[in-house]
Structures are given as structure tokens and as C-alpha cells.
C-alpha atoms as a PDB file:
ATOM      1  CA  MET A   1       8.639   4.661  -4.924  1.00  0.00           C
ATOM      2  CA  VAL A   2       8.385   4.164  -8.702  1.00  0.00           C
ATOM      3  CA  ALA A   3       9.713   0.639  -8.684  1.00  0.00           C
ATOM      4  CA  LEU A   4       7.352  -0.394  -5.867  1.00  0.00           C
ATOM      5  CA  THR A   5       4.108   0.174  -7.764  1.00  0.00           C
ATOM      6  CA  ALA A   6       4.488  -3.314  -9.265  1.00  0.00           C
ATOM      7  CA  VAL A   7       3.938  -4.877  -5.838  1.00  0.00           C
ATOM      8  CA  ASP A   8       1.100  -2.598  -4.742  1.00  0.00           C
ATOM      9  CA  PRO A   9      -1.445  -5.019  -3.185  1.00  0.00           C
ATOM     10  CA  SER A  10      -4.347  -3.056  -4.681  1.00  0.00           C
ATOM     11  CA  ASN A  11      -3.215  -4.078  -8.191  1.00  0.00           C
ATOM     12  CA  VAL A  12      -5.000  -7.404  -7.946  1.00  0.00           C
ATOM     13  CA  PHE A  13      -8.337  -5.584  -7.583  1.00  0.00           C
ATOM     14  CA  LEU A  14      -7.657  -3.086 -10.369  1.00  0.00           C
ATOM     15  CA  THR A  15      -6.386  -5.494 -13.034  1.00  0.00           C
ATOM     16  CA  GLU A  16      -8.832  -7.096 -15.444  1.00  0.00           C
ATOM     17  CA  MET A  17      -8.495 -10.887 -15.371  1.00  0.00           C
ATOM     18  CA  SER A  18      -9.629 -13.600 -17.723  1.00  0.00           C
ATOM     19  CA  ALA A  19     -11.868 -16.439 -16.572  1.00  0.00           C
ATOM     20  CA  VAL A  20      -8.898 -18.837 -16.488  1.00  0.00           C
ATOM     21  CA  ALA A  21      -6.858 -16.433 -14.362  1.00  0.00           C
ATOM     22  CA  LEU A  22      -9.786 -16.013 -11.951  1.00  0.00           C
ATOM     23  CA  MET A  23     -10.177 -19.794 -11.592  1.00  0.00           C
ATOM     24  CA  VAL A  24      -6.457 -20.174 -10.847  1.00  0.00           C
ATOM     25  CA  LEU A  25      -6.682 -17.330  -8.335  1.00  0.00           C
ATOM     26  CA  ALA A  26      -9.710 -18.913  -6.635  1.00  0.00           C
ATOM     27  CA  ILE A  27      -7.960 -22.274  -6.218  1.00  0.00           C
ATOM     28  CA  TRP A  28      -4.686 -20.699  -5.060  1.00  0.00           C
ATOM     29  CA  ALA A  29      -6.516 -18.465  -2.578  1.00  0.00           C
ATOM     30  CA  LEU A  30      -8.484 -21.394  -1.140  1.00  0.00           C
ATOM     31  CA  ALA A  31      -5.244 -23.346  -0.647  1.00  0.00           C
ATOM     32  CA  ASN A  32      -3.791 -20.317   1.137  1.00  0.00           C
ATOM     33  CA  CYS A  33      -6.840 -20.033   3.355  1.00  0.00           C
ATOM     34  CA  PHE A  34      -6.683 -23.625   4.634  1.00  0.00           C
ATOM     35  CA  PHE A  35      -3.026 -24.603   4.192  1.00  0.00           C
ATOM     36  CA  GLY A  36      -1.229 -21.265   4.450  1.00  0.00           C
ATOM     37  CA  CYS A  37       0.736 -22.262   7.536  1.00  0.00           C
ATOM     38  CA  ALA A  38       1.349 -25.895   6.590  1.00  0.00           C
ATOM     39  CA  LEU A  39       2.803 -24.837   3.216  1.00  0.00           C
ATOM     40  CA  PHE A  40       4.049 -21.480   4.450  1.00  0.00           C
ATOM     41  CA  ARG A  41       7.577 -21.482   3.027  1.00  0.00           C
ATOM     42  CA  VAL A  42       6.359 -22.659  -0.387  1.00  0.00           C
ATOM     43  CA  VAL A  43       3.630 -19.999  -0.461  1.00  0.00           C
ATOM     44  CA  LEU A  44       6.029 -17.272   0.647  1.00  0.00           C
ATOM     45  CA  ALA A  45       8.617 -18.295  -1.956  1.00  0.00           C
ATOM     46  CA  VAL A  46       5.963 -18.087  -4.691  1.00  0.00           C
ATOM     47  CA  TYR A  47       4.940 -14.603  -3.541  1.00  0.00           C
ATOM     48  CA  GLY A  48       8.594 -13.605  -3.412  1.00  0.00           C
ATOM     49  CA  ALA A  49       9.134 -14.806  -6.981  1.00  0.00           C
ATOM     50  CA  LEU A  50       6.018 -12.970  -8.213  1.00  0.00           C
ATOM     51  CA  ALA A  51       7.178  -9.779  -6.516  1.00  0.00           C
ATOM     52  CA  GLY A  52      10.571 -10.251  -8.185  1.00  0.00           C
ATOM     53  CA  ILE A  53       8.950 -10.521 -11.603  1.00  0.00           C
ATOM     54  CA  GLY A  54       7.002  -7.305 -11.115  1.00  0.00           C
ATOM     55  CA  LEU A  55       9.987  -5.433  -9.719  1.00  0.00           C
ATOM     56  CA  GLY A  56      12.233  -6.744 -12.501  1.00  0.00           C
ATOM     57  CA  ILE A  57       9.942  -5.363 -15.212  1.00  0.00           C
ATOM     58  CA  GLU A  58       9.828  -1.921 -13.611  1.00  0.00           C
ATOM     59  CA  LEU A  59      13.543  -1.977 -12.840  1.00  0.00           C
ATOM     60  CA  ALA A  60      14.340  -2.629 -16.502  1.00  0.00           C
ATOM     61  CA  GLU A  61      12.144   0.308 -17.519  1.00  0.00           C
ATOM     62  CA  LEU A  62      13.756   2.501 -14.877  1.00  0.00           C
ATOM     63  CA  ILE A  63      17.327   1.708 -15.957  1.00  0.00           C
ATOM     64  CA  ARG A  64      16.749   1.832 -19.700  1.00  0.00           C
ATOM     65  CA  GLN A  65      14.506   4.247 -21.539  1.00  0.00           C
ATOM     66  CA  ALA A  66      13.413   1.648 -24.084  1.00  0.00           C
ATOM     67  CA  PRO A  67      14.038  -1.819 -22.595  1.00  0.00           C
ATOM     68  CA  THR A  68      13.686  -4.842 -24.839  1.00  0.00           C
ATOM     69  CA  SER A  69      11.790  -7.996 -23.971  1.00  0.00           C
ATOM     70  CA  GLY A  70      15.141  -9.627 -23.216  1.00  0.00           C
ATOM     71  CA  ASP A  71      16.001  -6.894 -20.703  1.00  0.00           C
ATOM     72  CA  ARG A  72      12.691  -7.375 -18.897  1.00  0.00           C
ATOM     73  CA  LEU A  73      13.093 -11.163 -18.976  1.00  0.00           C
ATOM     74  CA  VAL A  74      16.622 -11.126 -17.522  1.00  0.00           C
ATOM     75  CA  ALA A  75      15.751  -8.602 -14.795  1.00  0.00           C
ATOM     76  CA  SER A  76      12.539 -10.434 -13.879  1.00  0.00           C
ATOM     77  CA  ALA A  77      14.182 -13.860 -13.772  1.00  0.00           C
ATOM     78  CA  ALA A  78      17.103 -12.634 -11.672  1.00  0.00           C
ATOM     79  CA  LEU A  79      14.918 -10.865  -9.114  1.00  0.00           C
ATOM     80  CA  ALA A  80      12.379 -13.715  -9.052  1.00  0.00           C
ATOM     81  CA  VAL A  81      15.100 -16.222  -8.143  1.00  0.00           C
ATOM     82  CA  LEU A  82      16.710 -13.833  -5.663  1.00  0.00           C
ATOM     83  CA  LEU A  83      13.512 -12.894  -3.833  1.00  0.00           C
ATOM     84  CA  GLY A  84      12.102 -16.414  -4.007  1.00  0.00           C
ATOM     85  CA  LEU A  85      15.198 -17.916  -2.377  1.00  0.00           C
ATOM     86  CA  GLY A  86      15.371 -15.050   0.099  1.00  0.00           C
ATOM     87  CA  ALA A  87      11.776 -15.660   1.130  1.00  0.00           C
ATOM     88  CA  TRP A  88      12.462 -19.397   1.511  1.00  0.00           C
ATOM     89  CA  PHE A  89      15.496 -19.064   3.772  1.00  0.00           C
ATOM     90  CA  ALA A  90      14.810 -15.744   5.549  1.00  0.00           C
ATOM     91  CA  TYR A  91      11.090 -16.411   5.929  1.00  0.00           C
ATOM     92  CA  ARG A  92      10.608 -14.558   9.210  1.00  0.00           C
ATOM     93  CA  ALA A  93      12.134 -11.329   7.875  1.00  0.00           C
ATOM     94  CA  ALA A  94      10.481 -11.746   4.454  1.00  0.00           C
ATOM     95  CA  PHE A  95       7.017 -12.294   5.892  1.00  0.00           C
ATOM     96  CA  THR A  96       7.376  -9.426   8.357  1.00  0.00           C
ATOM     97  CA  LEU A  97       8.524  -7.015   5.632  1.00  0.00           C
ATOM     98  CA  GLY A  98       5.758  -8.218   3.326  1.00  0.00           C
ATOM     99  CA  VAL A  99       3.058  -7.652   5.926  1.00  0.00           C
ATOM    100  CA  ALA A 100       4.474  -4.224   6.816  1.00  0.00           C
ATOM    101  CA  TRP A 101       4.540  -3.232   3.126  1.00  0.00           C
ATOM    102  CA  VAL A 102       0.914  -4.301   2.608  1.00  0.00           C
ATOM    103  CA  VAL A 103      -0.174  -2.265   5.651  1.00  0.00           C
ATOM    104  CA  LEU A 104       1.820   0.744   4.437  1.00  0.00           C
ATOM    105  CA  ALA A 105       0.478   0.516   0.882  1.00  0.00           C
ATOM    106  CA  LEU A 106      -3.135   0.261   2.073  1.00  0.00           C
ATOM    107  CA  ALA A 107      -2.928   2.866   4.843  1.00  0.00           C
ATOM    108  CA  ALA A 108      -0.864   5.581   3.133  1.00  0.00           C
ATOM    109  CA  PRO A 109      -3.605   6.666   0.653  1.00  0.00           C
ATOM    110  CA  VAL A 110      -6.132   7.095   3.501  1.00  0.00           C
ATOM    111  CA  PHE A 111      -6.062  10.887   3.012  1.00  0.00           C
ATOM    112  CA  GLY A 112      -6.112  10.682  -0.772  1.00  0.00           C
ATOM    113  CA  ARG A 113      -4.028   9.663  -3.786  1.00  0.00           C
ATOM    114  CA  PRO A 114      -1.183  10.288  -4.235  1.00  0.00           C
ATOM    115  CA  PRO A 115      -0.459   9.828  -0.515  1.00  0.00           C
ATOM    116  CA  THR A 116       0.118  12.991   1.482  1.00  0.00           C
ATOM    117  CA  ALA A 117       2.751  13.479   4.192  1.00  0.00           C
ATOM    118  CA  ALA A 118       0.122  12.711   6.836  1.00  0.00           C
ATOM    119  CA  GLY A 119      -0.848   9.556   4.959  1.00  0.00           C
ATOM    120  CA  TRP A 120       2.758   8.352   4.846  1.00  0.00           C
ATOM    121  CA  ALA A 121       3.148   9.100   8.559  1.00  0.00           C
ATOM    122  CA  VAL A 122       0.048   7.091   9.458  1.00  0.00           C
ATOM    123  CA  GLY A 123       1.062   4.278   7.130  1.00  0.00           C
ATOM    124  CA  LEU A 124       4.598   4.040   8.504  1.00  0.00           C
ATOM    125  CA  LEU A 125       3.327   4.050  12.089  1.00  0.00           C
ATOM    126  CA  LEU A 126       0.819   1.263  11.440  1.00  0.00           C
ATOM    127  CA  ALA A 127       3.336  -0.717   9.382  1.00  0.00           C
ATOM    128  CA  GLY A 128       5.891  -0.524  12.206  1.00  0.00           C
ATOM    129  CA  VAL A 129       3.419  -1.656  14.871  1.00  0.00           C
ATOM    130  CA  VAL A 130       2.048  -4.514  12.758  1.00  0.00           C
ATOM    131  CA  GLY A 131       5.569  -5.517  11.690  1.00  0.00           C
ATOM    132  CA  VAL A 132       6.779  -5.839  15.289  1.00  0.00           C
ATOM    133  CA  MET A 133       3.718  -7.881  16.259  1.00  0.00           C
ATOM    134  CA  THR A 134       4.199 -10.123  13.216  1.00  0.00           C
ATOM    135  CA  TRP A 135       7.844 -10.766  14.104  1.00  0.00           C
ATOM    136  CA  CYS A 136       6.986 -11.631  17.723  1.00  0.00           C
ATOM    137  CA  TYR A 137       3.917 -13.774  16.987  1.00  0.00           C
ATOM    138  CA  LEU A 138       4.934 -15.299  13.663  1.00  0.00           C
ATOM    139  CA  ARG A 139       2.814 -18.455  13.554  1.00  0.00           C
ATOM    140  CA  ARG A 140      -0.351 -16.716  14.716  1.00  0.00           C
ATOM    141  CA  ALA A 141       0.237 -13.928  12.228  1.00  0.00           C
ATOM    142  CA  ILE A 142       0.731 -16.468   9.434  1.00  0.00           C
ATOM    143  CA  MET A 143      -2.477 -18.331  10.267  1.00  0.00           C
ATOM    144  CA  ALA A 144      -4.511 -15.138  10.525  1.00  0.00           C
ATOM    145  CA  GLY A 145      -2.910 -13.431   7.528  1.00  0.00           C
ATOM    146  CA  THR A 146      -3.091 -16.331   5.083  1.00  0.00           C
ATOM    147  CA  ALA A 147      -6.628 -17.240   6.163  1.00  0.00           C
ATOM    148  CA  VAL A 148      -7.945 -13.685   5.734  1.00  0.00           C
ATOM    149  CA  VAL A 149      -6.093 -12.963   2.472  1.00  0.00           C
ATOM    150  CA  GLY A 150      -7.040 -16.368   1.073  1.00  0.00           C
ATOM    151  CA  ALA A 151     -10.706 -15.878   1.971  1.00  0.00           C
ATOM    152  CA  VAL A 152     -10.822 -12.376   0.461  1.00  0.00           C
ATOM    153  CA  LEU A 153      -9.167 -13.413  -2.807  1.00  0.00           C
ATOM    154  CA  ASN A 154     -11.226 -16.599  -3.128  1.00  0.00           C
ATOM    155  CA  VAL A 155     -14.560 -14.829  -2.632  1.00  0.00           C
ATOM    156  CA  TYR A 156     -13.378 -12.021  -4.907  1.00  0.00           C
ATOM    157  CA  ALA A 157     -12.438 -14.393  -7.761  1.00  0.00           C
ATOM    158  CA  VAL A 158     -15.569 -16.561  -7.442  1.00  0.00           C
ATOM    159  CA  SER A 159     -17.780 -13.454  -7.293  1.00  0.00           C
ATOM    160  CA  LEU A 160     -16.283 -12.065 -10.495  1.00  0.00           C
ATOM    161  CA  LEU A 161     -16.827 -15.399 -12.234  1.00  0.00           C
ATOM    162  CA  CYS A 162     -20.436 -15.665 -11.070  1.00  0.00           C
ATOM    163  CA  LEU A 163     -21.330 -12.037 -11.852  1.00  0.00           C
ATOM    164  CA  GLY A 164     -19.530 -11.991 -15.179  1.00  0.00           C
ATOM    165  CA  ARG A 165     -17.169  -9.188 -14.167  1.00  0.00           C
ATOM    166  CA  ARG A 166     -13.413  -8.994 -14.721  1.00  0.00           C
ATOM    167  CA  SER A 167     -12.122  -6.446 -12.182  1.00  0.00           C
ATOM    168  CA  GLY A 168     -12.726  -5.083  -8.718  1.00  0.00           C
ATOM    169  CA  GLN A 169     -14.272  -1.908 -10.107  1.00  0.00           C
ATOM    170  CA  GLY A 170     -16.939  -3.956 -11.843  1.00  0.00           C
ATOM    171  CA  LEU A 171     -17.644  -5.950  -8.679  1.00  0.00           C
ATOM    172  CA  LEU A 172     -17.932  -2.737  -6.654  1.00  0.00           C
ATOM    173  CA  GLU A 173     -20.453  -1.314  -9.122  1.00  0.00           C
ATOM    174  CA  GLU A 174     -22.399  -4.582  -9.107  1.00  0.00           C
ATOM    175  CA  THR A 175     -22.712  -4.663  -5.303  1.00  0.00           C
ATOM    176  CA  PHE A 176     -22.252  -1.301  -3.582  1.00  0.00           C
ATOM    177  CA  GLY A 177     -22.709   0.958  -6.603  1.00  0.00           C
ATOM    178  CA  PRO A 178     -25.649   3.369  -7.038  1.00  0.00           C
ATOM    179  CA  GLU A 179     -27.663   0.691  -8.851  1.00  0.00           C
ATOM    180  CA  GLY A 180     -25.916  -2.279  -7.272  1.00  0.00           C
ATOM    181  CA  ARG A 181     -27.287  -5.086  -5.121  1.00  0.00           C
ATOM    182  CA  GLN A 182     -26.038  -4.156  -1.664  1.00  0.00           C
ATOM    183  CA  LEU A 183     -27.543  -7.261  -0.070  1.00  0.00           C
ATOM    184  CA  VAL A 184     -25.285  -9.393  -2.272  1.00  0.00           C
ATOM    185  CA  GLY A 185     -22.309  -7.261  -1.260  1.00  0.00           C
ATOM    186  CA  TRP A 186     -22.962  -7.686   2.464  1.00  0.00           C
ATOM    187  CA  LEU A 187     -23.524 -11.438   2.005  1.00  0.00           C
ATOM    188  CA  LEU A 188     -20.106 -11.636   0.338  1.00  0.00           C
ATOM    189  CA  VAL A 189     -18.538  -9.781   3.274  1.00  0.00           C
ATOM    190  CA  ILE A 190     -20.162 -12.176   5.749  1.00  0.00           C
ATOM    191  CA  PHE A 191     -18.986 -15.163   3.722  1.00  0.00           C
ATOM    192  CA  VAL A 192     -15.428 -13.804   3.740  1.00  0.00           C
ATOM    193  CA  VAL A 193     -15.533 -13.569   7.544  1.00  0.00           C
ATOM    194  CA  LEU A 194     -16.909 -17.104   7.894  1.00  0.00           C
ATOM    195  CA  LEU A 195     -14.419 -18.590   5.426  1.00  0.00           C
ATOM    196  CA  ALA A 196     -11.481 -16.842   7.111  1.00  0.00           C
ATOM    197  CA  SER A 197     -12.621 -18.102  10.530  1.00  0.00           C
ATOM    198  CA  VAL A 198     -12.873 -21.688   9.281  1.00  0.00           C
ATOM    199  CA  GLY A 199      -9.457 -21.326   7.652  1.00  0.00           C
ATOM    200  CA  MET A 200      -7.862 -20.219  10.939  1.00  0.00           C
ATOM    201  CA  VAL A 201      -9.392 -23.176  12.789  1.00  0.00           C
ATOM    202  CA  VAL A 202      -8.239 -25.663  10.144  1.00  0.00           C
ATOM    203  CA  GLN A 203      -4.719 -24.211  10.124  1.00  0.00           C
ATOM    204  CA  ALA A 204      -4.515 -24.347  13.922  1.00  0.00           C
ATOM    205  CA  HIS A 205      -5.325 -28.072  13.854  1.00  0.00           C
ATOM    206  CA  LEU A 206      -2.997 -28.804  10.938  1.00  0.00           C
ATOM    207  CA  ALA A 207      -0.129 -27.053  12.724  1.00  0.00           C
ATOM    208  CA  HIS A 208      -0.080 -29.868  15.269  1.00  0.00           C
ATOM    209  CA  ALA A 209      -0.790 -32.702  12.854  1.00  0.00           C
ATOM    210  CA  VAL A 210       1.529 -32.307   9.864  1.00  0.00           C
ATOM    211  CA  ASN A 211       5.271 -32.358   9.423  1.00  0.00           C
ATOM    212  CA  ASP A 212       6.781 -28.898   9.747  1.00  0.00           C
ATOM    213  CA  VAL A 213       9.081 -29.120   6.712  1.00  0.00           C
ATOM    214  CA  PHE A 214       7.422 -26.124   5.093  1.00  0.00           C
ATOM    215  CA  MET A 215       6.272 -24.481   8.316  1.00  0.00           C
ATOM    216  CA  PRO A 216       8.126 -21.802  10.294  1.00  0.00           C
ATOM    217  CA  LYS A 217      10.316 -23.374  12.930  1.00  0.00           C
ATOM    218  CA  ASP A 218       9.829 -22.471  16.549  1.00  0.00           C
ATOM    219  CA  ARG A 219      12.673 -20.815  18.378  1.00  0.00           C
ATOM    220  CA  ARG A 220      15.097 -23.356  19.800  1.00  0.00           C
ATOM    221  CA  ARG A 221      14.676 -24.074  23.449  1.00  0.00           C
ATOM    222  CA  ARG A 222      17.545 -24.460  25.822  1.00  0.00           C
ATOM    223  CA  THR A 223      18.464 -28.070  26.379  1.00  0.00           C
ATOM    224  CA  GLY A 224      18.777 -29.482  29.852  1.00  0.00           C
ATOM    225  CA  ARG A 225      17.203 -31.855  32.323  1.00  0.00           C
ATOM    226  CA  PRO A 226      13.437 -31.750  32.613  1.00  0.00           C
ATOM    227  CA  ALA A 227      12.132 -29.883  35.635  1.00  0.00           C
ATOM    228  CA  GLY A 228      12.004 -32.116  38.699  1.00  0.00           C
ATOM    229  CA  ASP A 229      14.580 -34.614  37.402  1.00  0.00           C
ATOM    230  CA  THR A 230      16.782 -35.496  40.371  1.00  0.00           C
ATOM    231  CA  ASN A 231      18.388 -38.627  38.907  1.00  0.00           C
ATOM    232  CA  VAL A 232      21.862 -37.207  38.374  1.00  0.00           C
ATOM    233  CA  ARG A 233      24.527 -39.706  37.382  1.00  0.00           C
ATOM    234  CA  PRO A 234      27.918 -38.944  38.930  1.00  0.00           C
ATOM    235  CA  LYS A 235      30.821 -38.418  36.535  1.00  0.00           C
ATOM    236  CA  PHE A 236      33.147 -41.323  35.657  1.00  0.00           C
ATOM    237  CA  THR A 237      30.530 -43.940  36.507  1.00  0.00           C
ATOM    238  CA  LYS A 238      29.420 -46.681  34.205  1.00  0.00           C
ATOM    239  CA  VAL A 239      25.885 -46.915  32.959  1.00  0.00           C
END
């Protein structure tokens, strides 16, 4: 699991970010919240490329004891292109695996870090159940997932900017810490729920209003005459 720590979803809350990075994250997260389904394949390809960059850096360090900047660059670029294109074309499988990995990464440490055998068992069970549901109900999972993740990241980034903090640890101390302002923390949680709900509603309406170039395609239906159509033209007759 060494090479998978680069794509641990908790990294975004542990890494210290500059003000510029937080502003970019806030804008990107808001776009995900409201347009996650409409721009789904673009969003997924970007996440695939970012995962490839992180995995490429760790892969270079795993293969070579002292990798150069060129080694990291080549490995990152190759995996970014590979995973980005894979996410674009195999979007159903990519999104399902991504959701399952996030569930596994968040659920496995439930009994402590590093994860115990019981933690891995619980994580794998939840990841399997959520993965199957995601595969079967893709569009609904996309709308719910992108709206919730976008709302969480947007509120997280804006909160850090407003409170003058640079990481999730600082935000936790500022809100739910021993000397934190818990009322502010609960207001942020409520705002996340409201923003995610609005995002789901907006995405549901956009799904029927915009072109589906970047949206997941529905399964093809069998072609044939509409139900109740009795106007059958005999063979070898002229129209």
C-alpha cells in the first residue's frame, strides 16, 4: 500500500496550502458541486491525471533509491496521461473504483492508524457495497458524490481563508478544539449540507437541459416499434 498513500483522500485536509491554492480549490470545488454531472468526464479526467502525478512520484521513489527530478517527471507524466485517458474513456469503471477507494481509505482507519485487520475488513466490505451501488446507479451517484465533495471542499477552503488557517488541523482547532468556537463549526456543517442539497438539485435540472457530451451515457435501449404501434408495412411494398 506504499504507492497508494499519494492518493489518500485525507491528504487534502492534512496538507498546508497557500492562499492562492485555497482560492483555486474553492472555485474548483464550487464548479464540481453545481456542474459535476454536466462536466463529469472532464472532472474525472482531471482527477485521474492528478492521481497519476501522485502515484508517479511515489513509484519513482519506490523503484529507485535516489530518484532524480527527471525520473519523477517522466513517471508522473506517463501515469497522468494514462490515468487521465483511462478515466475519460472507461468513466464508469474509473468512477466506481475511485468511489470504492475513497470509502476504503476513510473507513479502514476506523479502529486506529495504521489500519488493523478488522479495519481493513470493514473498509473492504463498505467499499464493495458502495462500489456496486455506484456502478448500478451511476448518474445518481455522480450527482450526489460531486455535490457533497464539492460542498465540503468549497466550505473547507473558504473557511481556511476567512480564519487565516492553512490546514485542516488548524481549522479543527479553531472550531471543535478545546478553545475553539463550536458554534462556527456547526454552522459550517449546516452550510455544507445546504450547499450540497442545492448542488444536487441544480445538477438534476442540468442533466435534462444540457448536451451530454461530457456526461455519462445511458445504457442503450433496444430498438423497435413503440408500444401500441400496429401500423406494420408488409414487405416488398412501396412507400
